[in-house]
Amino acid sequence: MVEYRTHMKIIGDILATTRDDLQDEDGATVTYLIRKANISHSRISRILKTLVSQGLLEQIDSQGSNKYRISQTGREFLQAYYTFTNFADNFGLSI
């Protein structure tokens, strides 16, 4: 049976990618995030817009294209997300 990712799991993946997988501090391109998160351009565009508006990601204009990096609030959110998912896993809860 195929297990689909929840919206929260996708957000966690995007935040973790912008925290862990970047070679420099300039941020991740949309193309890079599409590949890492394995979702469509239109879907990631909506998610990125929401994450920026909520202060979890910072949008940087780099040579005419947008790049994204995790904010301090995003780091705190990601830590809380991991704490909650570990708690849920320990109790056999599905989130």
PDB file of N, CA and C in Angstrom:
ATOM      1  N   MET A   1       0.835  -1.174   0.000  1.00  0.00           N
ATOM      2  CA  MET A   1       0.000   0.000   0.000  1.00  0.00           C
ATOM      3  C   MET A   1       0.885   1.244   0.000  1.00  0.00           C
ATOM      4  N   VAL A   2       0.559   2.196  -0.839  1.00  0.00           N
ATOM      5  CA  VAL A   2       1.316   3.437  -0.942  1.00  0.00           C
ATOM      6  C   VAL A   2       0.911   4.359   0.194  1.00  0.00           C
ATOM      7  N   GLU A   3       1.907   4.924   0.881  1.00  0.00           N
ATOM      8  CA  GLU A   3       1.625   5.874   1.942  1.00  0.00           C
ATOM      9  C   GLU A   3       1.907   7.281   1.423  1.00  0.00           C
ATOM     10  N   TYR A   4       0.882   8.116   1.425  1.00  0.00           N
ATOM     11  CA  TYR A   4       1.024   9.478   0.940  1.00  0.00           C
ATOM     12  C   TYR A   4       1.514  10.389   2.060  1.00  0.00           C
ATOM     13  N   ARG A   5       2.282  11.405   1.683  1.00  0.00           N
ATOM     14  CA  ARG A   5       2.755  12.373   2.664  1.00  0.00           C
ATOM     15  C   ARG A   5       1.655  13.374   2.972  1.00  0.00           C
ATOM     16  N   THR A   6       1.591  13.764   4.208  1.00  0.00           N
ATOM     17  CA  THR A   6       0.644  14.809   4.597  1.00  0.00           C
ATOM     18  C   THR A   6       1.217  16.170   4.216  1.00  0.00           C
ATOM     19  N   HIS A   7       0.354  17.158   4.241  1.00  0.00           N
ATOM     20  CA  HIS A   7       0.787  18.528   3.970  1.00  0.00           C
ATOM     21  C   HIS A   7       1.876  18.939   4.970  1.00  0.00           C
ATOM     22  N   MET A   8       1.710  18.554   6.233  1.00  0.00           N
ATOM     23  CA  MET A   8       2.702  18.896   7.255  1.00  0.00           C
ATOM     24  C   MET A   8       4.035  18.213   6.983  1.00  0.00           C
ATOM     25  N   LYS A   9       4.000  16.990   6.509  1.00  0.00           N
ATOM     26  CA  LYS A   9       5.238  16.279   6.183  1.00  0.00           C
ATOM     27  C   LYS A   9       5.976  16.997   5.047  1.00  0.00           C
ATOM     28  N   ILE A  10       5.243  17.457   4.055  1.00  0.00           N
ATOM     29  CA  ILE A  10       5.856  18.194   2.942  1.00  0.00           C
ATOM     30  C   ILE A  10       6.479  19.491   3.455  1.00  0.00           C
ATOM     31  N   ILE A  11       5.763  20.201   4.320  1.00  0.00           N
ATOM     32  CA  ILE A  11       6.313  21.429   4.901  1.00  0.00           C
ATOM     33  C   ILE A  11       7.569  21.117   5.695  1.00  0.00           C
ATOM     34  N   GLY A  12       7.534  20.054   6.487  1.00  0.00           N
ATOM     35  CA  GLY A  12       8.718  19.641   7.243  1.00  0.00           C
ATOM     36  C   GLY A  12       9.886  19.331   6.319  1.00  0.00           C
ATOM     37  N   ASP A  13       9.613  18.659   5.205  1.00  0.00           N
ATOM     38  CA  ASP A  13      10.669  18.334   4.236  1.00  0.00           C
ATOM     39  C   ASP A  13      11.270  19.598   3.622  1.00  0.00           C
ATOM     40  N   ILE A  14      10.429  20.560   3.288  1.00  0.00           N
ATOM     41  CA  ILE A  14      10.912  21.812   2.697  1.00  0.00           C
ATOM     42  C   ILE A  14      11.767  22.574   3.709  1.00  0.00           C
ATOM     43  N   LEU A  15      11.284  22.691   4.936  1.00  0.00           N
ATOM     44  CA  LEU A  15      12.051  23.404   5.957  1.00  0.00           C
ATOM     45  C   LEU A  15      13.371  22.700   6.256  1.00  0.00           C
ATOM     46  N   ALA A  16      13.336  21.382   6.339  1.00  0.00           N
ATOM     47  CA  ALA A  16      14.570  20.635   6.602  1.00  0.00           C
ATOM     48  C   ALA A  16      15.567  20.793   5.457  1.00  0.00           C
ATOM     49  N   THR A  17      15.074  20.814   4.236  1.00  0.00           N
ATOM     50  CA  THR A  17      15.951  21.005   3.078  1.00  0.00           C
ATOM     51  C   THR A  17      16.613  22.363   3.127  1.00  0.00           C
ATOM     52  N   THR A  18      15.857  23.406   3.454  1.00  0.00           N
ATOM     53  CA  THR A  18      16.439  24.749   3.501  1.00  0.00           C
ATOM     54  C   THR A  18      17.368  24.907   4.693  1.00  0.00           C
ATOM     55  N   ARG A  19      17.235  24.050   5.685  1.00  0.00           N
ATOM     56  CA  ARG A  19      18.119  24.089   6.853  1.00  0.00           C
ATOM     57  C   ARG A  19      19.382  23.278   6.632  1.00  0.00           C
ATOM     58  N   ASP A  20      19.261  22.086   6.019  1.00  0.00           N
ATOM     59  CA  ASP A  20      20.354  21.117   6.006  1.00  0.00           C
ATOM     60  C   ASP A  20      21.104  20.976   4.690  1.00  0.00           C
ATOM     61  N   ASP A  21      20.422  21.103   3.581  1.00  0.00           N
ATOM     62  CA  ASP A  21      20.977  20.674   2.300  1.00  0.00           C
ATOM     63  C   ASP A  21      21.658  21.760   1.478  1.00  0.00           C
ATOM     64  N   LEU A  22      21.803  22.935   2.010  1.00  0.00           N
ATOM     65  CA  LEU A  22      22.339  24.029   1.203  1.00  0.00           C
ATOM     66  C   LEU A  22      23.858  24.104   1.315  1.00  0.00           C
ATOM     67  N   GLN A  23      24.487  24.304   0.171  1.00  0.00           N
ATOM     68  CA  GLN A  23      25.939  24.413   0.169  1.00  0.00           C
ATOM     69  C   GLN A  23      26.393  25.807   0.580  1.00  0.00           C
ATOM     70  N   ASP A  24      25.538  26.791   0.448  1.00  0.00           N
ATOM     71  CA  ASP A  24      25.891  28.154   0.834  1.00  0.00           C
ATOM     72  C   ASP A  24      24.710  28.794   1.549  1.00  0.00           C
ATOM     73  N   GLU A  25      24.917  29.988   2.029  1.00  0.00           N
ATOM     74  CA  GLU A  25      23.877  30.694   2.776  1.00  0.00           C
ATOM     75  C   GLU A  25      22.923  31.479   1.880  1.00  0.00           C
ATOM     76  N   ASP A  26      23.110  31.378   0.555  1.00  0.00           N
ATOM     77  CA  ASP A  26      22.276  32.149  -0.363  1.00  0.00           C
ATOM     78  C   ASP A  26      20.843  31.641  -0.410  1.00  0.00           C
ATOM     79  N   GLY A  27      20.607  30.406  -0.052  1.00  0.00           N
ATOM     80  CA  GLY A  27      19.272  29.852  -0.084  1.00  0.00           C
ATOM     81  C   GLY A  27      19.092  28.837  -1.196  1.00  0.00           C
ATOM     82  N   ALA A  28      17.921  28.217  -1.208  1.00  0.00           N
ATOM     83  CA  ALA A  28      17.597  27.168  -2.180  1.00  0.00           C
ATOM     84  C   ALA A  28      16.703  27.741  -3.273  1.00  0.00           C
ATOM     85  N   THR A  29      16.952  27.340  -4.504  1.00  0.00           N
ATOM     86  CA  THR A  29      16.101  27.755  -5.613  1.00  0.00           C
ATOM     87  C   THR A  29      14.811  26.937  -5.600  1.00  0.00           C
ATOM     88  N   VAL A  30      13.820  27.439  -6.303  1.00  0.00           N
ATOM     89  CA  VAL A  30      12.552  26.723  -6.416  1.00  0.00           C
ATOM     90  C   VAL A  30      12.781  25.370  -7.083  1.00  0.00           C
ATOM     91  N   THR A  31      13.613  25.338  -8.112  1.00  0.00           N
ATOM     92  CA  THR A  31      13.894  24.084  -8.818  1.00  0.00           C
ATOM     93  C   THR A  31      14.501  23.053  -7.877  1.00  0.00           C
ATOM     94  N   TYR A  32      15.435  23.480  -7.050  1.00  0.00           N
ATOM     95  CA  TYR A  32      16.066  22.574  -6.087  1.00  0.00           C
ATOM     96  C   TYR A  32      15.023  22.024  -5.113  1.00  0.00           C
ATOM     97  N   LEU A  33      14.164  22.897  -4.620  1.00  0.00           N
ATOM     98  CA  LEU A  33      13.132  22.462  -3.672  1.00  0.00           C
ATOM     99  C   LEU A  33      12.122  21.528  -4.325  1.00  0.00           C
ATOM    100  N   ILE A  34      11.780  21.782  -5.588  1.00  0.00           N
ATOM    101  CA  ILE A  34      10.859  20.894  -6.316  1.00  0.00           C
ATOM    102  C   ILE A  34      11.448  19.488  -6.373  1.00  0.00           C
ATOM    103  N   ARG A  35      12.713  19.405  -6.703  1.00  0.00           N
ATOM    104  CA  ARG A  35      13.369  18.091  -6.798  1.00  0.00           C
ATOM    105  C   ARG A  35      13.449  17.399  -5.447  1.00  0.00           C
ATOM    106  N   LYS A  36      13.828  18.138  -4.409  1.00  0.00           N
ATOM    107  CA  LYS A  36      13.976  17.530  -3.087  1.00  0.00           C
ATOM    108  C   LYS A  36      12.628  17.147  -2.474  1.00  0.00           C
ATOM    109  N   ALA A  37      11.616  17.984  -2.680  1.00  0.00           N
ATOM    110  CA  ALA A  37      10.300  17.722  -2.088  1.00  0.00           C
ATOM    111  C   ALA A  37       9.437  16.830  -2.965  1.00  0.00           C
ATOM    112  N   ASN A  38       9.836  16.680  -4.233  1.00  0.00           N
ATOM    113  CA  ASN A  38       9.117  15.826  -5.174  1.00  0.00           C
ATOM    114  C   ASN A  38       7.642  16.226  -5.303  1.00  0.00           C
ATOM    115  N   ILE A  39       7.429  17.525  -5.559  1.00  0.00           N
ATOM    116  CA  ILE A  39       6.076  18.015  -5.810  1.00  0.00           C
ATOM    117  C   ILE A  39       6.100  18.998  -6.980  1.00  0.00           C
ATOM    118  N   SER A  40       4.933  19.321  -7.483  1.00  0.00           N
ATOM    119  CA  SER A  40       4.826  20.159  -8.677  1.00  0.00           C
ATOM    120  C   SER A  40       5.188  21.616  -8.369  1.00  0.00           C
ATOM    121  N   HIS A  41       5.483  22.342  -9.437  1.00  0.00           N
ATOM    122  CA  HIS A  41       5.844  23.751  -9.312  1.00  0.00           C
ATOM    123  C   HIS A  41       4.680  24.558  -8.737  1.00  0.00           C
ATOM    124  N   SER A  42       3.479  24.311  -9.221  1.00  0.00           N
ATOM    125  CA  SER A  42       2.335  25.097  -8.739  1.00  0.00           C
ATOM    126  C   SER A  42       2.076  24.841  -7.253  1.00  0.00           C
ATOM    127  N   ARG A  43       2.225  23.597  -6.833  1.00  0.00           N
ATOM    128  CA  ARG A  43       1.978  23.284  -5.415  1.00  0.00           C
ATOM    129  C   ARG A  43       3.053  23.882  -4.525  1.00  0.00           C
ATOM    130  N   ILE A  44       4.316  23.749  -4.935  1.00  0.00           N
ATOM    131  CA  ILE A  44       5.376  24.298  -4.079  1.00  0.00           C
ATOM    132  C   ILE A  44       5.313  25.817  -4.047  1.00  0.00           C
ATOM    133  N   SER A  45       4.892  26.440  -5.138  1.00  0.00           N
ATOM    134  CA  SER A  45       4.767  27.903  -5.162  1.00  0.00           C
ATOM    135  C   SER A  45       3.770  28.378  -4.110  1.00  0.00           C
ATOM    136  N   ARG A  46       2.639  27.683  -4.012  1.00  0.00           N
ATOM    137  CA  ARG A  46       1.639  28.044  -2.993  1.00  0.00           C
ATOM    138  C   ARG A  46       2.193  27.835  -1.587  1.00  0.00           C
ATOM    139  N   ILE A  47       2.879  26.725  -1.379  1.00  0.00           N
ATOM    140  CA  ILE A  47       3.430  26.416  -0.055  1.00  0.00           C
ATOM    141  C   ILE A  47       4.500  27.436   0.320  1.00  0.00           C
ATOM    142  N   LEU A  48       5.401  27.759  -0.620  1.00  0.00           N
ATOM    143  CA  LEU A  48       6.466  28.725  -0.330  1.00  0.00           C
ATOM    144  C   LEU A  48       5.882  30.093   0.017  1.00  0.00           C
ATOM    145  N   LYS A  49       4.859  30.500  -0.708  1.00  0.00           N
ATOM    146  CA  LYS A  49       4.213  31.787  -0.429  1.00  0.00           C
ATOM    147  C   LYS A  49       3.672  31.805   1.002  1.00  0.00           C
ATOM    148  N   THR A  50       3.037  30.716   1.412  1.00  0.00           N
ATOM    149  CA  THR A  50       2.497  30.614   2.767  1.00  0.00           C
ATOM    150  C   THR A  50       3.618  30.613   3.809  1.00  0.00           C
ATOM    151  N   LEU A  51       4.683  29.841   3.567  1.00  0.00           N
ATOM    152  CA  LEU A  51       5.780  29.755   4.530  1.00  0.00           C
ATOM    153  C   LEU A  51       6.479  31.100   4.692  1.00  0.00           C
ATOM    154  N   VAL A  52       6.619  31.847   3.607  1.00  0.00           N
ATOM    155  CA  VAL A  52       7.221  33.183   3.686  1.00  0.00           C
ATOM    156  C   VAL A  52       6.297  34.128   4.454  1.00  0.00           C
ATOM    157  N   SER A  53       5.004  34.094   4.156  1.00  0.00           N
ATOM    158  CA  SER A  53       4.063  35.003   4.825  1.00  0.00           C
ATOM    159  C   SER A  53       3.943  34.701   6.317  1.00  0.00           C
ATOM    160  N   GLN A  54       4.179  33.451   6.701  1.00  0.00           N
ATOM    161  CA  GLN A  54       4.119  33.065   8.108  1.00  0.00           C
ATOM    162  C   GLN A  54       5.455  33.269   8.828  1.00  0.00           C
ATOM    163  N   GLY A  55       6.472  33.663   8.092  1.00  0.00           N
ATOM    164  CA  GLY A  55       7.771  33.936   8.696  1.00  0.00           C
ATOM    165  C   GLY A  55       8.646  32.709   8.916  1.00  0.00           C
ATOM    166  N   LEU A  56       8.272  31.574   8.314  1.00  0.00           N
ATOM    167  CA  LEU A  56       9.063  30.353   8.494  1.00  0.00           C
ATOM    168  C   LEU A  56      10.219  30.267   7.498  1.00  0.00           C
ATOM    169  N   LEU A  57      10.064  30.918   6.348  1.00  0.00           N
ATOM    170  CA  LEU A  57      11.125  31.006   5.350  1.00  0.00           C
ATOM    171  C   LEU A  57      11.379  32.467   5.021  1.00  0.00           C
ATOM    172  N   GLU A  58      12.612  32.749   4.593  1.00  0.00           N
ATOM    173  CA  GLU A  58      12.965  34.068   4.089  1.00  0.00           C
ATOM    174  C   GLU A  58      13.157  33.957   2.586  1.00  0.00           C
ATOM    175  N   GLN A  59      12.592  34.893   1.851  1.00  0.00           N
ATOM    176  CA  GLN A  59      12.736  34.921   0.396  1.00  0.00           C
ATOM    177  C   GLN A  59      13.812  35.938   0.058  1.00  0.00           C
ATOM    178  N   ILE A  60      14.794  35.511  -0.727  1.00  0.00           N
ATOM    179  CA  ILE A  60      15.917  36.359  -1.098  1.00  0.00           C
ATOM    180  C   ILE A  60      15.945  36.502  -2.604  1.00  0.00           C
ATOM    181  N   ASP A  61      16.085  37.743  -3.085  1.00  0.00           N
ATOM    182  CA  ASP A  61      16.232  37.979  -4.518  1.00  0.00           C
ATOM    183  C   ASP A  61      17.713  37.853  -4.850  1.00  0.00           C
ATOM    184  N   SER A  62      18.047  36.836  -5.639  1.00  0.00           N
ATOM    185  CA  SER A  62      19.436  36.564  -5.982  1.00  0.00           C
ATOM    186  C   SER A  62      19.591  36.530  -7.492  1.00  0.00           C
ATOM    187  N   GLN A  63      20.190  37.565  -8.041  1.00  0.00           N
ATOM    188  CA  GLN A  63      20.458  37.651  -9.472  1.00  0.00           C
ATOM    189  C   GLN A  63      19.189  37.428 -10.303  1.00  0.00           C
ATOM    190  N   GLY A  64      18.110  38.066  -9.887  1.00  0.00           N
ATOM    191  CA  GLY A  64      16.865  38.005 -10.640  1.00  0.00           C
ATOM    192  C   GLY A  64      15.995  36.800 -10.373  1.00  0.00           C
ATOM    193  N   SER A  65      16.417  35.900  -9.504  1.00  0.00           N
ATOM    194  CA  SER A  65      15.570  34.753  -9.159  1.00  0.00           C
ATOM    195  C   SER A  65      15.411  34.699  -7.641  1.00  0.00           C
ATOM    196  N   ASN A  66      14.333  34.081  -7.204  1.00  0.00           N
ATOM    197  CA  ASN A  66      14.077  33.968  -5.778  1.00  0.00           C
ATOM    198  C   ASN A  66      14.742  32.723  -5.211  1.00  0.00           C
ATOM    199  N   LYS A  67      15.312  32.895  -4.037  1.00  0.00           N
ATOM    200  CA  LYS A  67      15.853  31.772  -3.277  1.00  0.00           C
ATOM    201  C   LYS A  67      15.237  31.820  -1.891  1.00  0.00           C
ATOM    202  N   TYR A  68      15.246  30.690  -1.228  1.00  0.00           N
ATOM    203  CA  TYR A  68      14.589  30.570   0.062  1.00  0.00           C
ATOM    204  C   TYR A  68      15.530  29.963   1.077  1.00  0.00           C
ATOM    205  N   ARG A  69      15.485  30.513   2.304  1.00  0.00           N
ATOM    206  CA  ARG A  69      16.241  29.922   3.407  1.00  0.00           C
ATOM    207  C   ARG A  69      15.381  29.969   4.662  1.00  0.00           C
ATOM    208  N   ILE A  70      15.669  29.064   5.555  1.00  0.00           N
ATOM    209  CA  ILE A  70      14.874  28.947   6.769  1.00  0.00           C
ATOM    210  C   ILE A  70      15.178  30.110   7.709  1.00  0.00           C
ATOM    211  N   SER A  71      14.154  30.614   8.368  1.00  0.00           N
ATOM    212  CA  SER A  71      14.308  31.686   9.354  1.00  0.00           C
ATOM    213  C   SER A  71      14.483  31.054  10.736  1.00  0.00           C
ATOM    214  N   GLN A  72      14.768  31.884  11.721  1.00  0.00           N
ATOM    215  CA  GLN A  72      14.876  31.381  13.091  1.00  0.00           C
ATOM    216  C   GLN A  72      13.530  30.819  13.544  1.00  0.00           C
ATOM    217  N   THR A  73      12.446  31.478  13.185  1.00  0.00           N
ATOM    218  CA  THR A  73      11.109  30.975  13.521  1.00  0.00           C
ATOM    219  C   THR A  73      10.874  29.624  12.852  1.00  0.00           C
ATOM    220  N   GLY A  74      11.334  29.482  11.604  1.00  0.00           N
ATOM    221  CA  GLY A  74      11.213  28.215  10.893  1.00  0.00           C
ATOM    222  C   GLY A  74      11.999  27.101  11.584  1.00  0.00           C
ATOM    223  N   ARG A  75      13.177  27.434  12.104  1.00  0.00           N
ATOM    224  CA  ARG A  75      13.982  26.445  12.843  1.00  0.00           C
ATOM    225  C   ARG A  75      13.244  25.977  14.099  1.00  0.00           C
ATOM    226  N   GLU A  76      12.650  26.934  14.807  1.00  0.00           N
ATOM    227  CA  GLU A  76      11.897  26.599  16.020  1.00  0.00           C
ATOM    228  C   GLU A  76      10.671  25.752  15.678  1.00  0.00           C
ATOM    229  N   PHE A  77       9.970  26.119  14.613  1.00  0.00           N
ATOM    230  CA  PHE A  77       8.805  25.349  14.168  1.00  0.00           C
ATOM    231  C   PHE A  77       9.226  23.927  13.808  1.00  0.00           C
ATOM    232  N   LEU A  78      10.325  23.782  13.066  1.00  0.00           N
ATOM    233  CA  LEU A  78      10.785  22.463  12.639  1.00  0.00           C
ATOM    234  C   LEU A  78      11.156  21.605  13.844  1.00  0.00           C
ATOM    235  N   GLN A  79      11.792  22.196  14.842  1.00  0.00           N
ATOM    236  CA  GLN A  79      12.136  21.445  16.055  1.00  0.00           C
ATOM    237  C   GLN A  79      10.870  20.980  16.771  1.00  0.00           C
ATOM    238  N   ALA A  80       9.875  21.850  16.869  1.00  0.00           N
ATOM    239  CA  ALA A  80       8.605  21.469  17.505  1.00  0.00           C
ATOM    240  C   ALA A  80       7.901  20.383  16.698  1.00  0.00           C
ATOM    241  N   TYR A  81       7.960  20.492  15.377  1.00  0.00           N
ATOM    242  CA  TYR A  81       7.361  19.475  14.504  1.00  0.00           C
ATOM    243  C   TYR A  81       8.016  18.112  14.745  1.00  0.00           C
ATOM    244  N   TYR A  82       9.348  18.082  14.802  1.00  0.00           N
ATOM    245  CA  TYR A  82      10.051  16.814  15.058  1.00  0.00           C
ATOM    246  C   TYR A  82       9.721  16.253  16.438  1.00  0.00           C
ATOM    247  N   THR A  83       9.630  17.116  17.429  1.00  0.00           N
ATOM    248  CA  THR A  83       9.267  16.673  18.780  1.00  0.00           C
ATOM    249  C   THR A  83       7.882  16.034  18.775  1.00  0.00           C
ATOM    250  N   PHE A  84       6.937  16.678  18.110  1.00  0.00           N
ATOM    251  CA  PHE A  84       5.577  16.155  18.053  1.00  0.00           C
ATOM    252  C   PHE A  84       5.506  14.838  17.283  1.00  0.00           C
ATOM    253  N   THR A  85       6.183  14.756  16.132  1.00  0.00           N
ATOM    254  CA  THR A  85       6.116  13.516  15.347  1.00  0.00           C
ATOM    255  C   THR A  85       6.772  12.366  16.090  1.00  0.00           C
ATOM    256  N   ASN A  86       7.855  12.633  16.817  1.00  0.00           N
ATOM    257  CA  ASN A  86       8.479  11.573  17.623  1.00  0.00           C
ATOM    258  C   ASN A  86       7.541  11.111  18.729  1.00  0.00           C
ATOM    259  N   PHE A  87       6.864  12.051  19.378  1.00  0.00           N
ATOM    260  CA  PHE A  87       5.883  11.727  20.402  1.00  0.00           C
ATOM    261  C   PHE A  87       4.767  10.868  19.815  1.00  0.00           C
ATOM    262  N   ALA A  88       4.242  11.293  18.668  1.00  0.00           N
ATOM    263  CA  ALA A  88       3.150  10.552  18.025  1.00  0.00           C
ATOM    264  C   ALA A  88       3.606   9.156  17.623  1.00  0.00           C
ATOM    265  N   ASP A  89       4.812   9.030  17.084  1.00  0.00           N
ATOM    266  CA  ASP A  89       5.344   7.716  16.700  1.00  0.00           C
ATOM    267  C   ASP A  89       5.461   6.794  17.909  1.00  0.00           C
ATOM    268  N   ASN A  90       5.887   7.326  19.041  1.00  0.00           N
ATOM    269  CA  ASN A  90       6.042   6.513  20.259  1.00  0.00           C
ATOM    270  C   ASN A  90       4.715   5.954  20.755  1.00  0.00           C
ATOM    271  N   PHE A  91       3.631   6.638  20.459  1.00  0.00           N
ATOM    272  CA  PHE A  91       2.317   6.200  20.886  1.00  0.00           C
ATOM    273  C   PHE A  91       1.514   5.563  19.762  1.00  0.00           C
ATOM    274  N   GLY A  92       2.165   5.356  18.628  1.00  0.00           N
ATOM    275  CA  GLY A  92       1.500   4.708  17.509  1.00  0.00           C
ATOM    276  C   GLY A  92       0.426   5.562  16.854  1.00  0.00           C
ATOM    277  N   LEU A  93       0.544   6.869  17.020  1.00  0.00           N
ATOM    278  CA  LEU A  93      -0.429   7.774  16.415  1.00  0.00           C
ATOM    279  C   LEU A  93      -0.023   8.093  14.997  1.00  0.00           C
ATOM    280  N   SER A  94      -0.990   8.204  14.145  1.00  0.00           N
ATOM    281  CA  SER A  94      -0.737   8.558  12.753  1.00  0.00           C
ATOM    282  C   SER A  94      -1.084  10.017  12.548  1.00  0.00           C
ATOM    283  N   ILE A  95      -0.121  10.789  12.047  1.00  0.00           N
ATOM    284  CA  ILE A  95      -0.395  12.219  11.823  1.00  0.00           C
ATOM    285  C   ILE A  95      -0.235  12.562  10.369  1.00  0.00           C
TER     286      ILE A  95
END
